[in-house]
C-alpha atoms as a PDB file:
ATOM      1  CA  MET A   1      14.732  -7.186  23.516  1.00  0.00           C
ATOM      2  CA  LEU A   2      11.468  -5.260  24.328  1.00  0.00           C
ATOM      3  CA  GLY A   3       9.789  -5.524  27.549  1.00  0.00           C
ATOM      4  CA  SER A   4       5.957  -6.028  27.811  1.00  0.00           C
ATOM      5  CA  ASN A   5       5.643  -2.455  27.981  1.00  0.00           C
ATOM      6  CA  GLY A   6       7.969  -1.929  25.028  1.00  0.00           C
ATOM      7  CA  LEU A   7       6.164  -4.383  23.170  1.00  0.00           C
ATOM      8  CA  ALA A   8       2.505  -3.627  24.195  1.00  0.00           C
ATOM      9  CA  GLN A   9       3.595  -0.176  23.000  1.00  0.00           C
ATOM     10  CA  SER A  10       5.136  -1.630  19.781  1.00  0.00           C
ATOM     11  CA  ILE A  11       2.037  -3.495  18.634  1.00  0.00           C
ATOM     12  CA  GLU A  12      -0.219  -0.825  19.447  1.00  0.00           C
ATOM     13  CA  GLU A  13       2.087   1.375  17.091  1.00  0.00           C
ATOM     14  CA  GLY A  14       2.008  -1.318  14.738  1.00  0.00           C
ATOM     15  CA  ALA A  15      -1.810  -1.992  14.478  1.00  0.00           C
ATOM     16  CA  TYR A  16      -2.118   1.869  13.472  1.00  0.00           C
ATOM     17  CA  LEU A  17       0.538   1.773  11.190  1.00  0.00           C
ATOM     18  CA  THR A  18      -1.100  -1.911   9.795  1.00  0.00           C
ATOM     19  CA  ALA A  19      -4.100   0.330   9.018  1.00  0.00           C
ATOM     20  CA  ALA A  20      -1.956   3.446   7.036  1.00  0.00           C
ATOM     21  CA  ALA A  21      -0.456   0.850   4.993  1.00  0.00           C
ATOM     22  CA  GLY A  22      -3.275  -0.785   3.592  1.00  0.00           C
ATOM     23  CA  CYS A  23      -2.453  -4.458   4.703  1.00  0.00           C
ATOM     24  CA  LYS A  24      -5.750  -5.512   5.910  1.00  0.00           C
ATOM     25  CA  ALA A  25      -7.358  -4.368   2.774  1.00  0.00           C
ATOM     26  CA  CYS A  26      -5.404  -5.746  -0.021  1.00  0.00           C
ATOM     27  CA  HIS A  27      -4.889  -9.160   2.270  1.00  0.00           C
ATOM     28  CA  THR A  28      -8.294  -9.516   3.003  1.00  0.00           C
ATOM     29  CA  GLN A  29     -10.683 -11.191   0.027  1.00  0.00           C
ATOM     30  CA  PRO A  30     -13.668  -8.647   0.068  1.00  0.00           C
ATOM     31  CA  LYS A  31     -16.867  -9.459   1.109  1.00  0.00           C
ATOM     32  CA  GLY A  32     -16.208 -12.063   4.431  1.00  0.00           C
ATOM     33  CA  ALA A  33     -14.680 -14.255   1.427  1.00  0.00           C
ATOM     34  CA  GLY A  34     -11.670 -15.018   3.831  1.00  0.00           C
ATOM     35  CA  GLN A  35     -10.198 -14.428   6.989  1.00  0.00           C
ATOM     36  CA  GLU A  36      -8.341 -11.271   7.943  1.00  0.00           C
ATOM     37  CA  TYR A  37      -4.937 -11.077   6.829  1.00  0.00           C
ATOM     38  CA  ALA A  38      -4.953 -14.400   5.615  1.00  0.00           C
ATOM     39  CA  GLY A  39      -4.630 -13.581   1.985  1.00  0.00           C
ATOM     40  CA  GLY A  40      -5.986 -14.544  -1.502  1.00  0.00           C
ATOM     41  CA  ARG A  41      -6.870 -11.272  -2.689  1.00  0.00           C
ATOM     42  CA  ALA A  42      -7.198 -11.087  -6.435  1.00  0.00           C
ATOM     43  CA  LEU A  43      -5.378  -8.167  -8.134  1.00  0.00           C
ATOM     44  CA  ASP A  44      -6.106  -7.963 -11.681  1.00  0.00           C
ATOM     45  CA  THR A  45      -3.326  -6.246 -13.791  1.00  0.00           C
ATOM     46  CA  PRO A  46      -2.399  -6.089 -17.120  1.00  0.00           C
ATOM     47  CA  PHE A  47       0.180  -8.598 -16.758  1.00  0.00           C
ATOM     48  CA  GLY A  48      -2.116 -11.111 -15.085  1.00  0.00           C
ATOM     49  CA  THR A  49      -3.485 -12.066 -11.839  1.00  0.00           C
ATOM     50  CA  PHE A  50      -2.072 -11.625  -8.560  1.00  0.00           C
ATOM     51  CA  TYR A  51      -2.840 -13.355  -5.422  1.00  0.00           C
ATOM     52  CA  THR A  52      -2.052 -11.488  -1.980  1.00  0.00           C
ATOM     53  CA  PRO A  53      -0.337 -14.035   0.424  1.00  0.00           C
ATOM     54  CA  ASN A  54      -1.234 -15.058   3.906  1.00  0.00           C
ATOM     55  CA  ILE A  55       0.482 -12.729   6.399  1.00  0.00           C
ATOM     56  CA  THR A  56      -0.970 -14.453   9.209  1.00  0.00           C
ATOM     57  CA  PHE A  57       1.645 -15.861  11.529  1.00  0.00           C
ATOM     58  CA  ASP A  58       0.726 -19.514  10.557  1.00  0.00           C
ATOM     59  CA  PRO A  59       3.973 -21.441  10.322  1.00  0.00           C
ATOM     60  CA  ASP A  60       3.224 -23.365   7.562  1.00  0.00           C
ATOM     61  CA  THR A  61       1.128 -21.156   5.198  1.00  0.00           C
ATOM     62  CA  GLY A  62       2.045 -18.033   6.517  1.00  0.00           C
ATOM     63  CA  ILE A  63       4.787 -15.889   7.818  1.00  0.00           C
ATOM     64  CA  GLY A  64       5.004 -17.626  11.269  1.00  0.00           C
ATOM     65  CA  ARG A  65       8.511 -18.957  10.745  1.00  0.00           C
ATOM     66  CA  TRP A  66      10.006 -15.664   9.544  1.00  0.00           C
ATOM     67  CA  SER A  67      12.155 -13.140  11.913  1.00  0.00           C
ATOM     68  CA  ASP A  68      11.395  -9.652  12.037  1.00  0.00           C
ATOM     69  CA  ALA A  69      14.737  -9.085   9.871  1.00  0.00           C
ATOM     70  CA  ASP A  70      13.021 -11.472   7.543  1.00  0.00           C
ATOM     71  CA  PHE A  71      10.055  -9.232   7.340  1.00  0.00           C
ATOM     72  CA  VAL A  72      11.772  -5.804   7.024  1.00  0.00           C
ATOM     73  CA  LYS A  73      13.942  -7.193   4.061  1.00  0.00           C
ATOM     74  CA  ALA A  74      10.817  -8.507   2.722  1.00  0.00           C
ATOM     75  CA  LEU A  75       8.806  -5.092   2.878  1.00  0.00           C
ATOM     76  CA  LYS A  76      11.607  -2.848   1.921  1.00  0.00           C
ATOM     77  CA  LYS A  77      13.786  -4.518  -0.113  1.00  0.00           C
ATOM     78  CA  GLY A  78      11.295  -6.945  -2.061  1.00  0.00           C
ATOM     79  CA  ILE A  79      13.370 -10.136  -1.167  1.00  0.00           C
ATOM     80  CA  SER A  80      11.608 -13.368   0.362  1.00  0.00           C
ATOM     81  CA  PRO A  81      13.336 -15.068   3.558  1.00  0.00           C
ATOM     82  CA  GLU A  82      14.226 -17.759   0.630  1.00  0.00           C
ATOM     83  CA  GLY A  83      16.078 -15.031  -1.501  1.00  0.00           C
ATOM     84  CA  PHE A  84      13.901 -14.895  -4.018  1.00  0.00           C
ATOM     85  CA  HIS A  85      12.644 -11.158  -5.772  1.00  0.00           C
ATOM     86  CA  TYR A  86       8.946 -10.139  -5.309  1.00  0.00           C
ATOM     87  CA  PHE A  87       6.879  -9.018  -8.261  1.00  0.00           C
ATOM     88  CA  PRO A  88       6.039  -5.297  -8.029  1.00  0.00           C
ATOM     89  CA  ALA A  89       2.498  -6.204  -7.534  1.00  0.00           C
ATOM     90  CA  PHE A  90       3.758  -6.048  -3.740  1.00  0.00           C
ATOM     91  CA  PRO A  91       4.251  -2.325  -2.895  1.00  0.00           C
ATOM     92  CA  TYR A  92       7.733  -2.734  -1.620  1.00  0.00           C
ATOM     93  CA  THR A  93       8.583   0.162  -3.996  1.00  0.00           C
ATOM     94  CA  SER A  94       7.218   2.326  -1.814  1.00  0.00           C
ATOM     95  CA  TYR A  95       7.400   0.732   1.540  1.00  0.00           C
ATOM     96  CA  THR A  96      11.083   0.751   0.828  1.00  0.00           C
ATOM     97  CA  ASN A  97      10.754   4.426   2.313  1.00  0.00           C
ATOM     98  CA  MET A  98       9.374   3.059   5.101  1.00  0.00           C
ATOM     99  CA  THR A  99      11.285   3.405   8.672  1.00  0.00           C
ATOM    100  CA  ASP A 100      12.901   0.200   9.935  1.00  0.00           C
ATOM    101  CA  ARG A 101      11.091   0.759  13.191  1.00  0.00           C
ATOM    102  CA  ASP A 102       7.620   1.250  11.765  1.00  0.00           C
ATOM    103  CA  ALA A 103       8.342  -2.219   9.660  1.00  0.00           C
ATOM    104  CA  ARG A 104       9.293  -3.764  12.823  1.00  0.00           C
ATOM    105  CA  SER A 105       5.995  -2.362  14.848  1.00  0.00           C
ATOM    106  CA  ILE A 106       3.723  -3.577  11.963  1.00  0.00           C
ATOM    107  CA  TYR A 107       5.577  -7.275  12.269  1.00  0.00           C
ATOM    108  CA  ALA A 108       4.779  -7.049  16.260  1.00  0.00           C
ATOM    109  CA  TYR A 109       1.044  -6.557  15.603  1.00  0.00           C
ATOM    110  CA  LEU A 110       0.677  -9.105  12.768  1.00  0.00           C
ATOM    111  CA  LYS A 111       2.094 -11.612  15.455  1.00  0.00           C
ATOM    112  CA  SER A 112      -0.126 -10.456  17.888  1.00  0.00           C
ATOM    113  CA  LEU A 113      -2.959 -11.885  15.803  1.00  0.00           C
ATOM    114  CA  PRO A 114      -4.645 -15.007  15.560  1.00  0.00           C
ATOM    115  CA  PRO A 115      -2.707 -17.506  13.047  1.00  0.00           C
ATOM    116  CA  VAL A 116      -4.854 -18.788  10.038  1.00  0.00           C
ATOM    117  CA  GLN A 117      -3.781 -21.838   8.083  1.00  0.00           C
ATOM    118  CA  ALA A 118      -4.767 -20.332   4.594  1.00  0.00           C
ATOM    119  CA  PRO A 119      -2.406 -22.007   1.631  1.00  0.00           C
ATOM    120  CA  ASN A 120      -1.463 -19.164  -0.681  1.00  0.00           C
ATOM    121  CA  LYS A 121      -2.423 -19.238  -4.466  1.00  0.00           C
ATOM    122  CA  PRO A 122      -0.655 -19.205  -7.531  1.00  0.00           C
ATOM    123  CA  HIS A 123      -0.484 -16.074  -9.617  1.00  0.00           C
ATOM    124  CA  ASP A 124      -1.844 -16.339 -12.623  1.00  0.00           C
ATOM    125  CA  ILE A 125       0.833 -14.772 -14.855  1.00  0.00           C
ATOM    126  CA  GLY A 126       2.517 -15.366 -18.142  1.00  0.00           C
ATOM    127  CA  ALA A 127       5.840 -15.476 -19.307  1.00  0.00           C
ATOM    128  CA  PRO A 128       8.002 -13.709 -19.399  1.00  0.00           C
ATOM    129  CA  PHE A 129       6.486 -11.556 -16.537  1.00  0.00           C
ATOM    130  CA  SER A 130       6.074 -14.928 -14.638  1.00  0.00           C
ATOM    131  CA  TRP A 131       9.772 -15.512 -14.507  1.00  0.00           C
ATOM    132  CA  ARG A 132      10.836 -14.362 -11.133  1.00  0.00           C
ATOM    133  CA  TRP A 133      14.911 -14.299 -12.081  1.00  0.00           C
ATOM    134  CA  LEU A 134      13.859 -11.075 -14.294  1.00  0.00           C
ATOM    135  CA  GLN A 135      12.949  -9.069 -11.183  1.00  0.00           C
ATOM    136  CA  TRP A 136      16.437  -8.493 -10.615  1.00  0.00           C
ATOM    137  CA  GLY A 137      16.711  -6.740 -13.684  1.00  0.00           C
ATOM    138  CA  TRP A 138      13.362  -4.889 -13.343  1.00  0.00           C
ATOM    139  CA  LYS A 139      14.497  -3.668  -9.878  1.00  0.00           C
ATOM    140  CA  ILE A 140      17.986  -1.914 -11.469  1.00  0.00           C
ATOM    141  CA  LEU A 141      15.091  -0.027 -13.826  1.00  0.00           C
ATOM    142  CA  PHE A 142      12.774   0.796 -11.750  1.00  0.00           C
ATOM    143  CA  PHE A 143      13.504   0.467  -7.905  1.00  0.00           C
ATOM    144  CA  LYS A 144      15.409   2.615  -5.665  1.00  0.00           C
ATOM    145  CA  GLU A 145      16.010   1.550  -2.268  1.00  0.00           C
ATOM    146  CA  GLY A 146      15.041   3.327   0.917  1.00  0.00           C
ATOM    147  CA  GLY A 147      17.169   4.103   3.943  1.00  0.00           C
ATOM    148  CA  SER A 148      15.957   2.969   7.639  1.00  0.00           C
ATOM    149  CA  SER A 149      16.222   6.412   9.278  1.00  0.00           C
ATOM    150  CA  VAL A 150      13.230   8.743  10.316  1.00  0.00           C
ATOM    151  CA  PRO A 151      12.027  11.182   7.808  1.00  0.00           C
ATOM    152  CA  VAL A 152      12.687  14.930   9.000  1.00  0.00           C
ATOM    153  CA  ILE A 153       9.222  15.946   9.387  1.00  0.00           C
ATOM    154  CA  GLN A 154       9.081  19.611   9.527  1.00  0.00           C
ATOM    155  CA  SER A 155       4.897  19.801   8.328  1.00  0.00           C
ATOM    156  CA  SER A 156       2.041  18.321   8.116  1.00  0.00           C
ATOM    157  CA  ALA A 157       2.950  18.229   4.422  1.00  0.00           C
ATOM    158  CA  ASP A 158       6.099  16.386   5.064  1.00  0.00           C
ATOM    159  CA  ARG A 159       3.829  13.983   7.262  1.00  0.00           C
ATOM    160  CA  GLY A 160       1.474  13.485   4.495  1.00  0.00           C
ATOM    161  CA  ASN A 161       4.593  12.644   2.091  1.00  0.00           C
ATOM    162  CA  TYR A 162       5.377   9.699   4.570  1.00  0.00           C
ATOM    163  CA  LEU A 163       2.002   8.717   4.483  1.00  0.00           C
ATOM    164  CA  VAL A 164       1.170   8.556   0.956  1.00  0.00           C
ATOM    165  CA  ASN A 165       4.418   7.681  -0.447  1.00  0.00           C
ATOM    166  CA  ALA A 166       5.913   4.939   2.238  1.00  0.00           C
ATOM    167  CA  LEU A 167       3.351   3.738   4.314  1.00  0.00           C
ATOM    168  CA  GLY A 168      -0.384   4.620   2.211  1.00  0.00           C
ATOM    169  CA  HIS A 169       1.936   4.078  -1.258  1.00  0.00           C
ATOM    170  CA  CYS A 170      -0.964   5.986  -2.998  1.00  0.00           C
ATOM    171  CA  GLY A 171       1.198   6.012  -6.121  1.00  0.00           C
ATOM    172  CA  GLU A 172       1.075   2.528  -6.622  1.00  0.00           C
ATOM    173  CA  CYS A 173      -2.457   2.715  -7.847  1.00  0.00           C
ATOM    174  CA  HIS A 174      -3.139   6.270  -8.869  1.00  0.00           C
ATOM    175  CA  THR A 175      -0.134   6.295 -11.307  1.00  0.00           C
ATOM    176  CA  PRO A 176      -0.004   4.619 -14.405  1.00  0.00           C
ATOM    177  CA  ARG A 177       2.877   2.237 -15.449  1.00  0.00           C
ATOM    178  CA  ASN A 178       4.758   1.637 -18.340  1.00  0.00           C
ATOM    179  CA  ALA A 179       4.883  -1.393 -20.508  1.00  0.00           C
ATOM    180  CA  LEU A 180       7.475  -3.177 -18.107  1.00  0.00           C
ATOM    181  CA  GLY A 181       5.258  -2.197 -14.789  1.00  0.00           C
ATOM    182  CA  GLY A 182       7.231   0.758 -14.074  1.00  0.00           C
ATOM    183  CA  ILE A 183       5.848   3.931 -12.662  1.00  0.00           C
ATOM    184  CA  ASP A 184       5.537   6.398 -15.121  1.00  0.00           C
ATOM    185  CA  ARG A 185       6.688   9.203 -12.890  1.00  0.00           C
ATOM    186  CA  ASP A 186       5.202  12.236 -15.273  1.00  0.00           C
ATOM    187  CA  LEU A 187       2.015  11.200 -14.448  1.00  0.00           C
ATOM    188  CA  TYR A 188       2.429  10.945 -10.856  1.00  0.00           C
ATOM    189  CA  LEU A 189      -0.504  10.290  -8.748  1.00  0.00           C
ATOM    190  CA  ALA A 190      -2.564  11.244 -11.857  1.00  0.00           C
ATOM    191  CA  GLY A 191      -4.625   8.086 -12.260  1.00  0.00           C
ATOM    192  CA  SER A 192      -4.791   4.924 -13.999  1.00  0.00           C
ATOM    193  CA  ALA A 193      -7.232   3.174 -15.851  1.00  0.00           C
ATOM    194  CA  SER A 194      -5.612  -0.521 -14.944  1.00  0.00           C
ATOM    195  CA  GLY A 195      -6.368  -0.230 -11.180  1.00  0.00           C
ATOM    196  CA  GLY A 196      -5.308  -3.349  -9.072  1.00  0.00           C
ATOM    197  CA  GLU A 197      -8.899  -4.971  -9.457  1.00  0.00           C
ATOM    198  CA  GLY A 198      -9.345  -3.426 -13.187  1.00  0.00           C
ATOM    199  CA  GLU A 199     -10.462  -0.504 -11.851  1.00  0.00           C
ATOM    200  CA  LEU A 200     -10.414   3.173 -13.120  1.00  0.00           C
ATOM    201  CA  VAL A 201      -8.223   4.991 -10.513  1.00  0.00           C
ATOM    202  CA  PRO A 202      -8.661   9.054 -10.413  1.00  0.00           C
ATOM    203  CA  ASN A 203      -6.491  11.517 -10.537  1.00  0.00           C
ATOM    204  CA  ILE A 204      -5.422  12.557  -7.341  1.00  0.00           C
ATOM    205  CA  THR A 205      -3.571  15.718  -8.204  1.00  0.00           C
ATOM    206  CA  PRO A 206      -5.148  19.342  -7.632  1.00  0.00           C
ATOM    207  CA  ASP A 207      -5.733  19.788 -11.382  1.00  0.00           C
ATOM    208  CA  LYS A 208      -8.877  21.515 -11.138  1.00  0.00           C
ATOM    209  CA  GLU A 209     -10.622  19.745 -14.751  1.00  0.00           C
ATOM    210  CA  THR A 210      -9.330  16.047 -14.067  1.00  0.00           C
ATOM    211  CA  GLY A 211      -8.046  15.830 -10.374  1.00  0.00           C
ATOM    212  CA  ILE A 212      -9.343  17.171  -7.064  1.00  0.00           C
ATOM    213  CA  GLY A 213      -8.602  20.918  -7.681  1.00  0.00           C
ATOM    214  CA  ASP A 214     -12.085  21.613  -7.282  1.00  0.00           C
ATOM    215  CA  TRP A 215     -12.161  19.778  -3.712  1.00  0.00           C
ATOM    216  CA  SER A 216     -11.431  21.753  -0.735  1.00  0.00           C
ATOM    217  CA  LYS A 217      -8.746  20.238   1.818  1.00  0.00           C
ATOM    218  CA  LEU A 218     -11.424  19.824   4.076  1.00  0.00           C
ATOM    219  CA  ASP A 219     -13.346  17.274   1.404  1.00  0.00           C
ATOM    220  CA  MET A 220     -10.435  15.214   1.209  1.00  0.00           C
ATOM    221  CA  VAL A 221     -10.391  14.577   5.021  1.00  0.00           C
ATOM    222  CA  SER A 222     -13.685  13.800   5.432  1.00  0.00           C
ATOM    223  CA  PHE A 223     -13.863  11.873   2.072  1.00  0.00           C
ATOM    224  CA  LEU A 224     -10.663   9.782   4.089  1.00  0.00           C
ATOM    225  CA  GLU A 225     -12.537   9.313   6.890  1.00  0.00           C
ATOM    226  CA  THR A 226     -16.276   8.457   5.320  1.00  0.00           C
ATOM    227  CA  GLY A 227     -16.153   7.540   1.760  1.00  0.00           C
ATOM    228  CA  MET A 228     -18.369  10.193   0.774  1.00  0.00           C
ATOM    229  CA  LYS A 229     -17.432  12.431  -2.161  1.00  0.00           C
ATOM    230  CA  PRO A 230     -18.066  16.312  -2.132  1.00  0.00           C
ATOM    231  CA  ASN A 231     -21.026  15.543  -4.360  1.00  0.00           C
ATOM    232  CA  PHE A 232     -22.059  13.149  -1.754  1.00  0.00           C
ATOM    233  CA  ASP A 233     -21.543   9.895  -4.201  1.00  0.00           C
ATOM    234  CA  ASP A 234     -19.903   6.959  -1.770  1.00  0.00           C
ATOM    235  CA  VAL A 235     -16.833   5.218  -3.000  1.00  0.00           C
ATOM    236  CA  GLN A 236     -16.815   1.884  -4.266  1.00  0.00           C
ATOM    237  CA  GLY A 237     -14.955  -0.973  -5.349  1.00  0.00           C
ATOM    238  CA  THR A 238     -11.152  -1.097  -3.515  1.00  0.00           C
ATOM    239  CA  MET A 239     -10.961   1.975  -2.540  1.00  0.00           C
ATOM    240  CA  GLU A 240     -13.940   1.319   0.039  1.00  0.00           C
ATOM    241  CA  ASP A 241     -11.840  -1.343   1.912  1.00  0.00           C
ATOM    242  CA  VAL A 242      -9.249   0.960   1.992  1.00  0.00           C
ATOM    243  CA  ILE A 243     -10.969   4.002   3.328  1.00  0.00           C
ATOM    244  CA  THR A 244     -12.914   1.139   5.562  1.00  0.00           C
ATOM    245  CA  HIS A 245      -9.960  -0.737   6.938  1.00  0.00           C
ATOM    246  CA  GLY A 246      -7.291   2.026   6.670  1.00  0.00           C
ATOM    247  CA  THR A 247      -7.454   5.758   6.199  1.00  0.00           C
ATOM    248  CA  SER A 248     -11.067   5.626   8.289  1.00  0.00           C
ATOM    249  CA  LYS A 249      -8.737   4.567  11.224  1.00  0.00           C
ATOM    250  CA  LEU A 250      -5.950   7.638  10.980  1.00  0.00           C
ATOM    251  CA  THR A 251      -6.165  10.334  13.536  1.00  0.00           C
ATOM    252  CA  LYS A 252      -7.469  13.564  11.771  1.00  0.00           C
ATOM    253  CA  GLU A 253      -4.389  15.308  12.121  1.00  0.00           C
ATOM    254  CA  ASP A 254      -2.811  12.224   9.727  1.00  0.00           C
ATOM    255  CA  ARG A 255      -6.031  12.592   7.108  1.00  0.00           C
ATOM    256  CA  THR A 256      -4.912  16.409   7.423  1.00  0.00           C
ATOM    257  CA  ALA A 257      -1.456  15.586   6.502  1.00  0.00           C
ATOM    258  CA  ILE A 258      -2.359  13.569   3.497  1.00  0.00           C
ATOM    259  CA  ALA A 259      -4.696  16.374   2.085  1.00  0.00           C
ATOM    260  CA  ASP A 260      -2.132  18.902   2.700  1.00  0.00           C
ATOM    261  CA  PHE A 261       0.592  16.726   0.817  1.00  0.00           C
ATOM    262  CA  LEU A 262      -1.963  16.096  -2.019  1.00  0.00           C
ATOM    263  CA  PHE A 263      -2.615  19.832  -2.455  1.00  0.00           C
ATOM    264  CA  SER A 264       1.318  20.571  -2.408  1.00  0.00           C
ATOM    265  CA  VAL A 265       1.891  18.205  -5.657  1.00  0.00           C
ATOM    266  CA  ALA A 266       2.086  19.714  -9.070  1.00  0.00           C
ATOM    267  CA  PRO A 267      -1.244  19.285 -10.644  1.00  0.00           C
ATOM    268  CA  VAL A 268      -1.733  17.110 -13.945  1.00  0.00           C
ATOM    269  CA  LYS A 269      -3.963  17.126 -16.430  1.00  0.00           C
ATOM    270  CA  ASN A 270      -5.293  13.975 -16.959  1.00  0.00           C
ATOM    271  CA  LYS A 271      -8.520  12.200 -17.773  1.00  0.00           C
ATOM    272  CA  VAL A 272      -8.286   8.760 -17.009  1.00  0.00           C
ATOM    273  CA  LYS A 273     -10.690   6.577 -19.116  1.00  0.00           C
ATOM    274  CA  LYS A 274     -10.556   2.904 -20.382  1.00  0.00           C
END
């Protein structure tokens, strides 16, 4: 069991990791329509509309009856405490690469917050995509479970890889999906016409024509803090919330690590359009 000092440290680490993982941006309705982490944000996808759940520790409408093992299992395996498979609108396919320690720190932070009674909204998706029993088959096709060990960090780009692909789950939005909702690995980070709220999601590979190849790393570091692009246009939509509640809370070193990683991936030419 953690002592008071250990628990306080875990909560502090968890607050930072929760920001890096984008939890508040997804699990809070935009523009003050709901309370923090109480869910209800609509995610419009080609398969229907998903509503994010309440992840406060309310025992009846949130995750207040969950153990830390339940939380880690949900986050990294996509399985609820009751044993059903989550839809991949929940980015467990990226979170699976998170360390168990980081997952438990996020749990400790969420547990420290005030519980909010807010019933979850049912998803608005049609058959066959609404059939939960089919998710096990989806996982066979598209899900590779990660481990629990600490990743080897030998460079800033390695740290950026962990932030982008495990915590930040950037590829979940910035990569197009196939007809079954699986990530198109050939277009990794190359943008999507079907973002989480029906938005165009830009190419963030270092392609000079269609991606961020004409940005500098300092441009990216600044963008992740302020939301201001090199052309002085400010970001809008979902990414505005991601920056406000997430990447702007990171240290300059971690924002630099993200930039180092993004500029290390192979450039992919992909002009994103409807």
